[in-house]
C-alpha cells in the first residue's frame, strides 16, 4: 500500500509539473506571437504594451522592490517593480528588475 501511495503521489507531482510547463510554454508562445504581430503591423507595441502582455500571461510579476533581493535599481524600497516569473523549476529566485 505504501509503495502504491508513493507512486500515485509521484504521478500527481509529475502531472502538475507537466501542466505548469505547458502553461509557461503557452504564455511564451503567445507573447512571441503578439510581439511578432506588432512587428509585422508597423511596430505599434511599446514597452507598456509589452509589460501589460507579459504580466497578463504570467511571464512577469509585480513585487515590492527590496535592494537586498533585487540589487541596485533606480527605485525606492517598497516601490512596485516587475520581475520575471519563474519559468522553470530551477528558477526559484526573483530576478533583478
N, C-alpha and C. Protein backbone atom coordinates (compact mmCIF):
# COMPACT_ATOMS: atom_id res chain seq x y z
N UNK A 1 0.83 -1.21 0.00
CA UNK A 1 0.00 0.00 0.00
C UNK A 1 0.87 1.26 0.00
N UNK A 2 1.93 1.29 0.82
CA UNK A 2 2.81 2.46 0.85
C UNK A 2 3.44 2.72 -0.50
N UNK A 3 3.89 1.66 -1.16
CA UNK A 3 4.51 1.80 -2.48
C UNK A 3 3.51 2.38 -3.48
N UNK A 4 2.29 1.87 -3.47
CA UNK A 4 1.26 2.36 -4.39
C UNK A 4 0.93 3.82 -4.11
N UNK A 5 0.85 4.19 -2.83
CA UNK A 5 0.59 5.60 -2.48
C UNK A 5 1.73 6.49 -2.94
N UNK A 6 2.96 6.01 -2.78
CA UNK A 6 4.13 6.78 -3.20
C UNK A 6 4.12 6.98 -4.72
N UNK A 7 3.82 5.93 -5.45
CA UNK A 7 3.75 6.03 -6.91
C UNK A 7 2.64 6.99 -7.34
N UNK A 8 1.51 6.92 -6.68
CA UNK A 8 0.40 7.81 -7.01
C UNK A 8 0.79 9.26 -6.76
N UNK A 9 1.45 9.54 -5.64
CA UNK A 9 1.87 10.90 -5.32
C UNK A 9 2.90 11.40 -6.33
N UNK A 10 3.82 10.54 -6.71
CA UNK A 10 4.83 10.93 -7.71
C UNK A 10 4.17 11.22 -9.05
N UNK A 11 3.17 10.43 -9.42
CA UNK A 11 2.46 10.66 -10.68
C UNK A 11 1.71 12.00 -10.64
N UNK A 12 1.08 12.30 -9.51
CA UNK A 12 0.37 13.57 -9.38
C UNK A 12 1.34 14.75 -9.44
N UNK A 13 2.50 14.62 -8.82
CA UNK A 13 3.52 15.66 -8.85
C UNK A 13 4.02 15.87 -10.28
N UNK A 14 4.28 14.78 -10.99
CA UNK A 14 4.75 14.87 -12.37
C UNK A 14 3.68 15.51 -13.26
N UNK A 15 2.43 15.13 -13.05
CA UNK A 15 1.34 15.70 -13.83
C UNK A 15 1.22 17.19 -13.60
N UNK A 16 1.36 17.61 -12.35
CA UNK A 16 1.30 19.02 -12.00
C UNK A 16 2.45 19.79 -12.64
N UNK A 17 3.66 19.23 -12.60
CA UNK A 17 4.82 19.88 -13.20
C UNK A 17 4.66 19.99 -14.71
N UNK A 18 4.14 18.96 -15.34
CA UNK A 18 3.92 19.00 -16.78
C UNK A 18 2.88 20.05 -17.14
N UNK A 19 1.82 20.11 -16.38
CA UNK A 19 0.77 21.11 -16.63
C UNK A 19 1.34 22.52 -16.51
N UNK A 20 2.15 22.77 -15.48
CA UNK A 20 2.77 24.09 -15.30
C UNK A 20 3.71 24.41 -16.45
N UNK A 21 4.49 23.43 -16.90
CA UNK A 21 5.42 23.65 -18.01
C UNK A 21 4.66 23.98 -19.29
N UNK A 22 3.57 23.28 -19.54
CA UNK A 22 2.77 23.56 -20.73
C UNK A 22 2.15 24.95 -20.67
N UNK A 23 1.72 25.37 -19.49
CA UNK A 23 1.15 26.71 -19.34
C UNK A 23 2.22 27.79 -19.57
N UNK A 24 3.43 27.58 -19.06
CA UNK A 24 4.52 28.53 -19.29
C UNK A 24 4.84 28.61 -20.77
N UNK A 25 4.89 27.46 -21.44
CA UNK A 25 5.18 27.42 -22.87
C UNK A 25 4.10 28.16 -23.65
N UNK A 26 2.85 27.98 -23.25
CA UNK A 26 1.75 28.67 -23.91
C UNK A 26 1.91 30.18 -23.77
N UNK A 27 2.28 30.64 -22.56
CA UNK A 27 2.46 32.07 -22.33
C UNK A 27 3.60 32.64 -23.15
N UNK A 28 4.71 31.93 -23.22
CA UNK A 28 5.85 32.40 -24.02
C UNK A 28 5.49 32.45 -25.50
N UNK A 29 4.80 31.43 -25.96
CA UNK A 29 4.39 31.39 -27.37
C UNK A 29 3.44 32.55 -27.69
N UNK A 30 2.49 32.81 -26.82
CA UNK A 30 1.53 33.91 -27.03
C UNK A 30 2.24 35.26 -27.01
N UNK A 31 3.17 35.44 -26.10
CA UNK A 31 3.94 36.68 -26.02
C UNK A 31 4.71 36.90 -27.32
N UNK A 32 5.38 35.87 -27.80
CA UNK A 32 6.10 35.97 -29.06
C UNK A 32 5.15 36.31 -30.21
N UNK A 33 4.02 35.60 -30.29
CA UNK A 33 3.08 35.83 -31.38
C UNK A 33 2.55 37.26 -31.38
N UNK A 34 2.23 37.80 -30.19
CA UNK A 34 1.75 39.17 -30.12
C UNK A 34 2.83 40.16 -30.54
N UNK A 35 4.05 39.92 -30.10
CA UNK A 35 5.16 40.78 -30.48
C UNK A 35 5.44 40.72 -31.97
N UNK A 36 5.42 39.53 -32.52
CA UNK A 36 5.68 39.38 -33.95
C UNK A 36 4.57 40.02 -34.77
N UNK A 37 3.34 39.89 -34.31
CA UNK A 37 2.21 40.52 -35.00
C UNK A 37 2.38 42.04 -35.00
N UNK A 38 2.78 42.60 -33.86
CA UNK A 38 3.00 44.05 -33.79
C UNK A 38 4.14 44.46 -34.71
N UNK A 39 5.20 43.65 -34.75
CA UNK A 39 6.34 43.93 -35.62
C UNK A 39 5.92 43.98 -37.08
N UNK A 40 5.09 43.03 -37.50
CA UNK A 40 4.68 43.00 -38.91
C UNK A 40 3.60 44.02 -39.22
N UNK A 41 2.96 44.59 -38.18
CA UNK A 41 1.93 45.61 -38.39
C UNK A 41 2.46 47.02 -38.19
N UNK A 42 3.78 47.20 -38.16
CA UNK A 42 4.32 48.54 -38.06
C UNK A 42 4.87 48.89 -36.68
N UNK A 43 5.14 47.91 -35.86
CA UNK A 43 5.79 48.12 -34.55
C UNK A 43 5.02 49.07 -33.65
N UNK A 44 3.74 48.85 -33.48
CA UNK A 44 2.95 49.70 -32.59
C UNK A 44 2.87 49.15 -31.17
N UNK A 45 3.78 48.25 -30.82
CA UNK A 45 3.83 47.63 -29.49
C UNK A 45 4.93 48.32 -28.70
N UNK A 46 4.57 49.14 -27.70
CA UNK A 46 5.58 49.84 -26.93
C UNK A 46 5.88 49.08 -25.64
N UNK A 47 6.80 49.61 -24.84
CA UNK A 47 7.21 48.95 -23.61
C UNK A 47 6.06 48.70 -22.65
N UNK A 48 5.14 49.66 -22.55
CA UNK A 48 3.98 49.48 -21.68
C UNK A 48 3.09 48.35 -22.15
N UNK A 49 2.90 48.26 -23.47
CA UNK A 49 2.11 47.16 -24.02
C UNK A 49 2.77 45.82 -23.75
N UNK A 50 4.11 45.78 -23.91
CA UNK A 50 4.85 44.54 -23.65
C UNK A 50 4.72 44.13 -22.19
N UNK A 51 4.84 45.11 -21.29
CA UNK A 51 4.73 44.80 -19.86
C UNK A 51 3.34 44.29 -19.52
N UNK A 52 2.32 44.95 -20.04
CA UNK A 52 0.94 44.51 -19.77
C UNK A 52 0.70 43.09 -20.27
N UNK A 53 1.18 42.82 -21.48
CA UNK A 53 1.00 41.49 -22.07
C UNK A 53 1.75 40.44 -21.26
N UNK A 54 3.00 40.71 -20.92
CA UNK A 54 3.81 39.75 -20.17
C UNK A 54 3.20 39.48 -18.79
N UNK A 55 2.68 40.52 -18.15
CA UNK A 55 2.05 40.32 -16.84
C UNK A 55 0.78 39.48 -16.98
N UNK A 56 -0.04 39.81 -17.96
CA UNK A 56 -1.29 39.06 -18.17
C UNK A 56 -1.01 37.58 -18.44
N UNK A 57 0.08 37.29 -19.13
CA UNK A 57 0.43 35.91 -19.46
C UNK A 57 1.22 35.22 -18.36
N UNK A 58 1.48 35.93 -17.26
CA UNK A 58 2.19 35.33 -16.14
C UNK A 58 3.69 35.22 -16.32
N UNK A 59 4.25 35.98 -17.26
CA UNK A 59 5.68 35.92 -17.52
C UNK A 59 6.48 36.84 -16.60
N UNK A 60 5.84 37.89 -16.13
CA UNK A 60 6.44 38.79 -15.16
C UNK A 60 5.43 39.00 -14.04
N UNK A 61 5.94 39.47 -12.90
CA UNK A 61 5.03 39.71 -11.79
C UNK A 61 5.48 40.95 -11.04
N UNK A 62 4.51 41.70 -10.49
CA UNK A 62 4.86 42.87 -9.69
C UNK A 62 5.28 42.43 -8.28
N UNK A 63 6.35 43.03 -7.80
CA UNK A 63 6.83 42.76 -6.43
C UNK A 63 7.32 44.07 -5.84
N UNK A 64 7.32 44.19 -4.52
CA UNK A 64 7.91 45.37 -3.90
C UNK A 64 9.44 45.30 -4.00
N UNK A 65 10.05 46.39 -4.41
CA UNK A 65 11.50 46.44 -4.56
C UNK A 65 12.19 46.30 -3.22
N UNK A 66 13.14 45.38 -3.15
CA UNK A 66 13.97 45.17 -1.97
C UNK A 66 15.41 45.13 -2.46
N UNK A 67 16.22 46.14 -2.11
CA UNK A 67 17.59 46.18 -2.61
C UNK A 67 18.42 44.95 -2.23
N UNK A 68 18.10 44.30 -1.12
CA UNK A 68 18.86 43.11 -0.73
C UNK A 68 18.54 41.92 -1.63
N UNK A 69 17.35 41.90 -2.22
CA UNK A 69 16.96 40.82 -3.13
C UNK A 69 17.29 41.18 -4.57
N UNK A 70 16.93 42.40 -4.96
CA UNK A 70 16.97 42.80 -6.37
C UNK A 70 18.23 43.56 -6.78
N UNK A 71 19.07 43.92 -5.83
CA UNK A 71 20.29 44.65 -6.16
C UNK A 71 20.01 46.13 -6.44
N UNK A 72 20.98 46.77 -7.07
CA UNK A 72 20.88 48.20 -7.38
C UNK A 72 19.77 48.46 -8.40
N UNK A 73 19.02 49.50 -8.14
CA UNK A 73 17.93 49.88 -9.04
C UNK A 73 17.60 51.34 -8.77
N UNK A 74 17.14 52.03 -9.77
CA UNK A 74 16.72 53.42 -9.60
C UNK A 74 15.29 53.42 -9.05
N UNK A 75 15.12 52.77 -7.90
CA UNK A 75 13.81 52.59 -7.27
C UNK A 75 13.95 52.82 -5.78
N UNK A 76 12.83 53.15 -5.17
CA UNK A 76 12.78 53.28 -3.71
C UNK A 76 12.34 51.95 -3.12
N UNK A 77 12.91 51.55 -1.96
CA UNK A 77 12.45 50.32 -1.32
C UNK A 77 10.93 50.33 -1.14
N UNK A 78 10.32 49.22 -1.49
CA UNK A 78 8.86 49.08 -1.40
C UNK A 78 8.12 49.46 -2.67
N UNK A 79 8.79 50.19 -3.57
CA UNK A 79 8.17 50.59 -4.83
C UNK A 79 7.91 49.33 -5.67
N UNK A 80 6.82 49.31 -6.40
CA UNK A 80 6.50 48.16 -7.24
C UNK A 80 7.43 48.11 -8.43
N UNK A 81 8.04 46.94 -8.61
CA UNK A 81 8.85 46.66 -9.79
C UNK A 81 8.32 45.37 -10.40
N UNK A 82 8.76 45.06 -11.61
CA UNK A 82 8.35 43.84 -12.28
C UNK A 82 9.57 42.96 -12.48
N UNK A 83 9.43 41.70 -12.13
CA UNK A 83 10.49 40.71 -12.31
C UNK A 83 9.94 39.54 -13.10
N UNK A 84 10.86 38.82 -13.74
CA UNK A 84 10.43 37.62 -14.46
C UNK A 84 9.85 36.62 -13.49
N UNK A 85 8.77 36.01 -13.89
CA UNK A 85 8.21 34.91 -13.09
C UNK A 85 9.09 33.69 -13.33
N UNK A 86 9.08 32.76 -12.41
CA UNK A 86 9.87 31.54 -12.58
C UNK A 86 9.38 30.81 -13.83
N UNK A 87 10.31 30.55 -14.74
CA UNK A 87 9.95 29.87 -15.98
C UNK A 87 10.32 28.40 -15.97
N UNK A 88 11.01 27.97 -14.92
CA UNK A 88 11.31 26.55 -14.76
C UNK A 88 11.44 26.26 -13.28
N UNK A 89 11.49 25.00 -12.96
CA UNK A 89 11.59 24.63 -11.55
C UNK A 89 12.91 25.09 -10.94
N UNK A 90 13.92 25.35 -11.79
CA UNK A 90 15.21 25.83 -11.26
C UNK A 90 15.21 27.34 -11.06
N UNK A 91 14.21 28.04 -11.56
CA UNK A 91 14.09 29.49 -11.37
C UNK A 91 13.33 29.75 -10.08
N UNK A 92 14.00 29.63 -8.95
CA UNK A 92 13.28 29.78 -7.69
C UNK A 92 13.59 31.09 -6.99
N UNK A 93 14.31 31.98 -7.63
CA UNK A 93 14.59 33.28 -7.03
C UNK A 93 14.10 34.37 -7.96
N UNK A 94 13.83 35.52 -7.37
CA UNK A 94 13.35 36.63 -8.19
C UNK A 94 14.53 37.27 -8.90
N UNK A 95 14.30 37.66 -10.13
CA UNK A 95 15.32 38.33 -10.92
C UNK A 95 15.41 39.79 -10.53
N UNK A 96 16.49 40.39 -10.97
CA UNK A 96 16.63 41.82 -10.82
C UNK A 96 15.68 42.49 -11.81
N UNK A 97 15.23 43.71 -11.50
CA UNK A 97 14.31 44.38 -12.42
C UNK A 97 14.98 44.73 -13.72
